[in-house]
Amino acid sequence: RDFVHVDDAVDAAMLAGEADPIRCRGLLNVGTGKASRFEDLTTAVAAALGKTPIINYAPLPEALAPRYQRFTQANLAGWAAARLEPRFRTLEAGVRHALNGK
């Protein structure tokens, strides 16, 4: 998954909205362009709370397997074409900000 802090998503939308409409056309995916696992998110939450994560894995139900996307990350080509560079926090920084306000 390509996890993004909501403040960064809003900032990206504002950047796109203020951009030159001639350059800024088409699809602008809001994301870091870096895939993270749910395990990474769990570990970041635990670290922000000063805890050691306890992770238990369960198999993916067979009924979901044909429709489940195991790997997703934003394609940032639209931003590059528009010559815009949205800034996104790392997963860890976004979790810390969400949980601790810093």
N, C-alpha and C. Protein backbone atom coordinates (compact mmCIF):
# COMPACT_ATOMS: atom_id res chain seq x y z
N ARG A 1 0.83 -1.18 0.00
CA ARG A 1 0.00 0.00 0.00
C ARG A 1 0.88 1.24 0.00
N ASP A 2 0.33 2.33 -0.49
CA ASP A 2 1.04 3.60 -0.52
C ASP A 2 0.33 4.51 0.48
N PHE A 3 0.76 4.43 1.73
CA PHE A 3 0.10 5.18 2.80
C PHE A 3 0.51 6.64 2.75
N VAL A 4 -0.48 7.54 2.90
CA VAL A 4 -0.24 8.98 2.84
C VAL A 4 -0.98 9.64 4.00
N HIS A 5 -0.31 10.55 4.68
CA HIS A 5 -0.95 11.32 5.74
C HIS A 5 -1.97 12.27 5.11
N VAL A 6 -3.11 12.43 5.72
CA VAL A 6 -4.20 13.24 5.16
C VAL A 6 -3.75 14.68 4.91
N ASP A 7 -2.92 15.25 5.78
CA ASP A 7 -2.44 16.61 5.56
C ASP A 7 -1.63 16.70 4.27
N ASP A 8 -0.85 15.66 3.97
CA ASP A 8 -0.05 15.65 2.75
C ASP A 8 -0.95 15.52 1.52
N ALA A 9 -2.03 14.75 1.64
CA ALA A 9 -2.98 14.62 0.53
C ALA A 9 -3.65 15.96 0.24
N VAL A 10 -4.01 16.68 1.29
CA VAL A 10 -4.61 18.01 1.12
C VAL A 10 -3.61 18.96 0.48
N ASP A 11 -2.36 18.94 0.95
CA ASP A 11 -1.33 19.80 0.37
C ASP A 11 -1.12 19.50 -1.11
N ALA A 12 -1.13 18.22 -1.48
CA ALA A 12 -0.97 17.84 -2.89
C ALA A 12 -2.14 18.35 -3.72
N ALA A 13 -3.34 18.24 -3.19
CA ALA A 13 -4.52 18.75 -3.91
C ALA A 13 -4.43 20.26 -4.08
N MET A 14 -3.98 20.95 -3.05
CA MET A 14 -3.82 22.41 -3.14
C MET A 14 -2.76 22.78 -4.18
N LEU A 15 -1.66 22.04 -4.19
CA LEU A 15 -0.59 22.28 -5.17
C LEU A 15 -1.13 22.12 -6.58
N ALA A 16 -1.89 21.06 -6.81
CA ALA A 16 -2.46 20.82 -8.14
C ALA A 16 -3.46 21.92 -8.50
N GLY A 17 -4.26 22.34 -7.53
CA GLY A 17 -5.26 23.37 -7.79
C GLY A 17 -4.68 24.73 -8.11
N GLU A 18 -3.50 25.00 -7.59
CA GLU A 18 -2.84 26.29 -7.82
C GLU A 18 -1.91 26.27 -9.02
N ALA A 19 -1.74 25.11 -9.65
CA ALA A 19 -0.79 24.95 -10.75
C ALA A 19 -1.36 25.51 -12.05
N ASP A 20 -0.48 25.74 -12.99
CA ASP A 20 -0.85 26.18 -14.33
C ASP A 20 -1.70 25.10 -15.00
N PRO A 21 -2.96 25.41 -15.35
CA PRO A 21 -3.83 24.38 -15.92
C PRO A 21 -3.35 23.85 -17.27
N ILE A 22 -2.51 24.59 -17.95
CA ILE A 22 -1.95 24.11 -19.22
C ILE A 22 -0.97 22.96 -18.95
N ARG A 23 -0.16 23.10 -17.92
CA ARG A 23 0.82 22.04 -17.58
C ARG A 23 0.20 20.92 -16.78
N CYS A 24 -0.76 21.26 -15.95
CA CYS A 24 -1.31 20.29 -15.00
C CYS A 24 -2.60 19.70 -15.54
N ARG A 25 -2.46 18.64 -16.33
CA ARG A 25 -3.62 17.98 -16.94
C ARG A 25 -3.53 16.49 -16.68
N GLY A 26 -4.65 15.85 -16.69
CA GLY A 26 -4.65 14.40 -16.58
C GLY A 26 -4.66 13.93 -15.14
N LEU A 27 -4.20 12.73 -14.96
CA LEU A 27 -4.27 12.05 -13.67
C LEU A 27 -3.08 12.40 -12.79
N LEU A 28 -3.37 12.81 -11.57
CA LEU A 28 -2.33 13.06 -10.57
C LEU A 28 -2.61 12.15 -9.38
N ASN A 29 -1.88 11.06 -9.31
CA ASN A 29 -2.05 10.14 -8.19
C ASN A 29 -1.44 10.75 -6.94
N VAL A 30 -2.18 10.71 -5.86
CA VAL A 30 -1.68 11.23 -4.59
C VAL A 30 -1.08 10.07 -3.82
N GLY A 31 0.22 10.07 -3.74
CA GLY A 31 0.95 9.02 -3.04
C GLY A 31 2.43 9.29 -3.09
N THR A 32 3.15 8.50 -2.34
CA THR A 32 4.60 8.68 -2.24
C THR A 32 5.35 8.02 -3.39
N GLY A 33 4.69 7.06 -4.05
CA GLY A 33 5.37 6.27 -5.07
C GLY A 33 6.16 5.13 -4.46
N LYS A 34 5.98 4.93 -3.15
CA LYS A 34 6.70 3.87 -2.43
C LYS A 34 5.69 2.96 -1.75
N ALA A 35 5.77 1.68 -2.07
CA ALA A 35 4.87 0.71 -1.46
C ALA A 35 5.34 0.35 -0.06
N SER A 36 4.40 0.19 0.84
CA SER A 36 4.68 -0.26 2.21
C SER A 36 3.75 -1.43 2.53
N ARG A 37 4.20 -2.26 3.42
CA ARG A 37 3.37 -3.40 3.85
C ARG A 37 2.57 -3.01 5.08
N PHE A 38 1.49 -3.75 5.33
CA PHE A 38 0.73 -3.51 6.55
C PHE A 38 1.64 -3.76 7.77
N GLU A 39 2.60 -4.65 7.62
CA GLU A 39 3.58 -4.90 8.69
C GLU A 39 4.37 -3.63 8.98
N ASP A 40 4.75 -2.88 7.94
CA ASP A 40 5.46 -1.62 8.13
C ASP A 40 4.61 -0.62 8.90
N LEU A 41 3.33 -0.55 8.57
CA LEU A 41 2.42 0.34 9.27
C LEU A 41 2.29 -0.06 10.74
N THR A 42 2.12 -1.35 10.99
CA THR A 42 2.00 -1.85 12.36
C THR A 42 3.26 -1.53 13.17
N THR A 43 4.41 -1.74 12.56
CA THR A 43 5.68 -1.46 13.23
C THR A 43 5.83 0.03 13.52
N ALA A 44 5.41 0.88 12.58
CA ALA A 44 5.50 2.33 12.78
C ALA A 44 4.58 2.79 13.90
N VAL A 45 3.37 2.23 13.96
CA VAL A 45 2.43 2.58 15.04
C VAL A 45 3.01 2.17 16.39
N ALA A 46 3.52 0.96 16.46
CA ALA A 46 4.10 0.48 17.72
C ALA A 46 5.27 1.37 18.14
N ALA A 47 6.14 1.71 17.20
CA ALA A 47 7.30 2.55 17.52
C ALA A 47 6.86 3.92 18.02
N ALA A 48 5.85 4.51 17.38
CA ALA A 48 5.36 5.83 17.80
C ALA A 48 4.77 5.80 19.20
N LEU A 49 4.26 4.63 19.58
CA LEU A 49 3.67 4.47 20.91
C LEU A 49 4.68 3.93 21.93
N GLY A 50 5.92 3.71 21.49
CA GLY A 50 6.95 3.18 22.38
C GLY A 50 6.71 1.73 22.75
N LYS A 51 6.10 0.98 21.87
CA LYS A 51 5.75 -0.42 22.13
C LYS A 51 6.51 -1.34 21.17
N THR A 52 6.54 -2.60 21.53
CA THR A 52 7.06 -3.63 20.64
C THR A 52 5.86 -4.27 19.94
N PRO A 53 5.88 -4.31 18.62
CA PRO A 53 4.71 -4.87 17.94
C PRO A 53 4.61 -6.38 18.14
N ILE A 54 3.41 -6.85 18.26
CA ILE A 54 3.12 -8.28 18.27
C ILE A 54 2.26 -8.51 17.03
N ILE A 55 2.82 -9.20 16.07
CA ILE A 55 2.16 -9.37 14.79
C ILE A 55 1.82 -10.84 14.58
N ASN A 56 0.57 -11.09 14.33
CA ASN A 56 0.10 -12.44 13.99
C ASN A 56 -0.41 -12.40 12.56
N TYR A 57 -0.03 -13.37 11.79
CA TYR A 57 -0.44 -13.43 10.40
C TYR A 57 -1.56 -14.45 10.22
N ALA A 58 -2.48 -14.13 9.34
CA ALA A 58 -3.58 -15.03 9.01
C ALA A 58 -3.59 -15.19 7.50
N PRO A 59 -3.94 -16.35 7.02
CA PRO A 59 -3.98 -16.54 5.57
C PRO A 59 -5.10 -15.71 4.94
N LEU A 60 -4.87 -15.29 3.72
CA LEU A 60 -5.88 -14.55 2.98
C LEU A 60 -6.99 -15.52 2.61
N PRO A 61 -8.24 -15.17 2.91
CA PRO A 61 -9.35 -16.06 2.53
C PRO A 61 -9.34 -16.33 1.03
N GLU A 62 -9.53 -17.57 0.66
CA GLU A 62 -9.50 -17.96 -0.75
C GLU A 62 -10.48 -17.17 -1.59
N ALA A 63 -11.63 -16.83 -1.05
CA ALA A 63 -12.64 -16.09 -1.81
C ALA A 63 -12.15 -14.69 -2.19
N LEU A 64 -11.24 -14.11 -1.40
CA LEU A 64 -10.72 -12.77 -1.70
C LEU A 64 -9.49 -12.80 -2.60
N ALA A 65 -8.79 -13.89 -2.62
CA ALA A 65 -7.51 -13.97 -3.32
C ALA A 65 -7.56 -13.50 -4.77
N PRO A 66 -8.57 -13.85 -5.58
CA PRO A 66 -8.56 -13.41 -6.98
C PRO A 66 -8.71 -11.90 -7.15
N ARG A 67 -9.26 -11.21 -6.16
CA ARG A 67 -9.52 -9.77 -6.28
C ARG A 67 -8.56 -8.90 -5.46
N TYR A 68 -7.71 -9.52 -4.67
CA TYR A 68 -6.85 -8.77 -3.75
C TYR A 68 -5.60 -8.27 -4.46
N GLN A 69 -5.31 -6.98 -4.32
CA GLN A 69 -4.09 -6.42 -4.87
C GLN A 69 -3.02 -6.44 -3.79
N ARG A 70 -2.00 -7.23 -4.00
CA ARG A 70 -0.94 -7.36 -3.00
C ARG A 70 0.05 -6.19 -3.05
N PHE A 71 0.16 -5.55 -4.17
CA PHE A 71 1.17 -4.50 -4.32
C PHE A 71 0.51 -3.28 -4.95
N THR A 72 0.50 -2.18 -4.24
CA THR A 72 -0.02 -0.93 -4.80
C THR A 72 0.87 0.23 -4.38
N GLN A 73 1.14 1.07 -5.34
CA GLN A 73 1.84 2.31 -5.05
C GLN A 73 1.48 3.31 -6.14
N ALA A 74 1.52 4.58 -5.79
CA ALA A 74 1.12 5.62 -6.73
C ALA A 74 2.13 5.75 -7.87
N ASN A 75 1.60 5.93 -9.07
CA ASN A 75 2.42 6.27 -10.22
C ASN A 75 2.51 7.79 -10.25
N LEU A 76 3.70 8.33 -10.15
CA LEU A 76 3.88 9.77 -10.02
C LEU A 76 4.19 10.46 -11.35
N ALA A 77 3.97 9.77 -12.47
CA ALA A 77 4.29 10.33 -13.79
C ALA A 77 3.51 11.62 -14.07
N GLY A 78 2.27 11.70 -13.62
CA GLY A 78 1.47 12.90 -13.86
C GLY A 78 2.07 14.13 -13.20
N TRP A 79 2.58 13.95 -11.99
CA TRP A 79 3.23 15.07 -11.29
C TRP A 79 4.49 15.51 -12.03
N ALA A 80 5.27 14.54 -12.48
CA ALA A 80 6.50 14.86 -13.21
C ALA A 80 6.18 15.59 -14.51
N ALA A 81 5.14 15.13 -15.22
CA ALA A 81 4.75 15.78 -16.48
C ALA A 81 4.30 17.22 -16.24
N ALA A 82 3.68 17.46 -15.10
CA ALA A 82 3.22 18.82 -14.75
C ALA A 82 4.34 19.65 -14.12
N ARG A 83 5.49 19.02 -13.96
CA ARG A 83 6.66 19.66 -13.31
C ARG A 83 6.31 20.17 -11.90
N LEU A 84 5.60 19.30 -11.17
CA LEU A 84 5.24 19.59 -9.78
C LEU A 84 5.83 18.52 -8.88
N GLU A 85 6.21 18.91 -7.69
CA GLU A 85 6.80 17.97 -6.74
C GLU A 85 6.09 18.05 -5.39
N PRO A 86 4.99 17.31 -5.24
CA PRO A 86 4.35 17.29 -3.92
C PRO A 86 5.28 16.63 -2.91
N ARG A 87 5.17 17.08 -1.68
CA ARG A 87 6.02 16.52 -0.62
C ARG A 87 5.16 15.66 0.30
N PHE A 88 5.67 14.48 0.59
CA PHE A 88 4.96 13.55 1.45
C PHE A 88 5.87 13.11 2.58
N ARG A 89 5.30 12.99 3.75
CA ARG A 89 6.04 12.46 4.90
C ARG A 89 6.33 10.98 4.66
N THR A 90 7.33 10.49 5.32
CA THR A 90 7.55 9.04 5.32
C THR A 90 6.41 8.39 6.09
N LEU A 91 6.25 7.11 5.92
CA LEU A 91 5.22 6.37 6.67
C LEU A 91 5.41 6.60 8.17
N GLU A 92 6.63 6.49 8.63
CA GLU A 92 6.92 6.63 10.06
C GLU A 92 6.60 8.04 10.56
N ALA A 93 6.99 9.05 9.79
CA ALA A 93 6.72 10.43 10.20
C ALA A 93 5.22 10.73 10.19
N GLY A 94 4.50 10.19 9.21
CA GLY A 94 3.06 10.39 9.15
C GLY A 94 2.35 9.74 10.33
N VAL A 95 2.78 8.56 10.72
CA VAL A 95 2.19 7.87 11.88
C VAL A 95 2.48 8.66 13.15
N ARG A 96 3.73 9.10 13.31
CA ARG A 96 4.08 9.89 14.51
C ARG A 96 3.22 11.14 14.59
N HIS A 97 3.05 11.83 13.45
CA HIS A 97 2.23 13.04 13.45
C HIS A 97 0.77 12.74 13.78
N ALA A 98 0.26 11.67 13.21
CA ALA A 98 -1.14 11.30 13.47
C ALA A 98 -1.37 10.94 14.93
N LEU A 99 -0.41 10.25 15.53
CA LEU A 99 -0.60 9.78 16.91
C LEU A 99 -0.15 10.78 17.97
N ASN A 100 0.87 11.55 17.65
CA ASN A 100 1.45 12.44 18.65
C ASN A 100 1.38 13.92 18.29
N GLY A 101 0.91 14.23 17.10
CA GLY A 101 0.85 15.61 16.67
C GLY A 101 2.20 16.22 16.36
N LYS A 102 3.25 15.37 16.16
CA LYS A 102 4.57 15.89 15.81
C LYS A 102 5.14 15.12 14.65
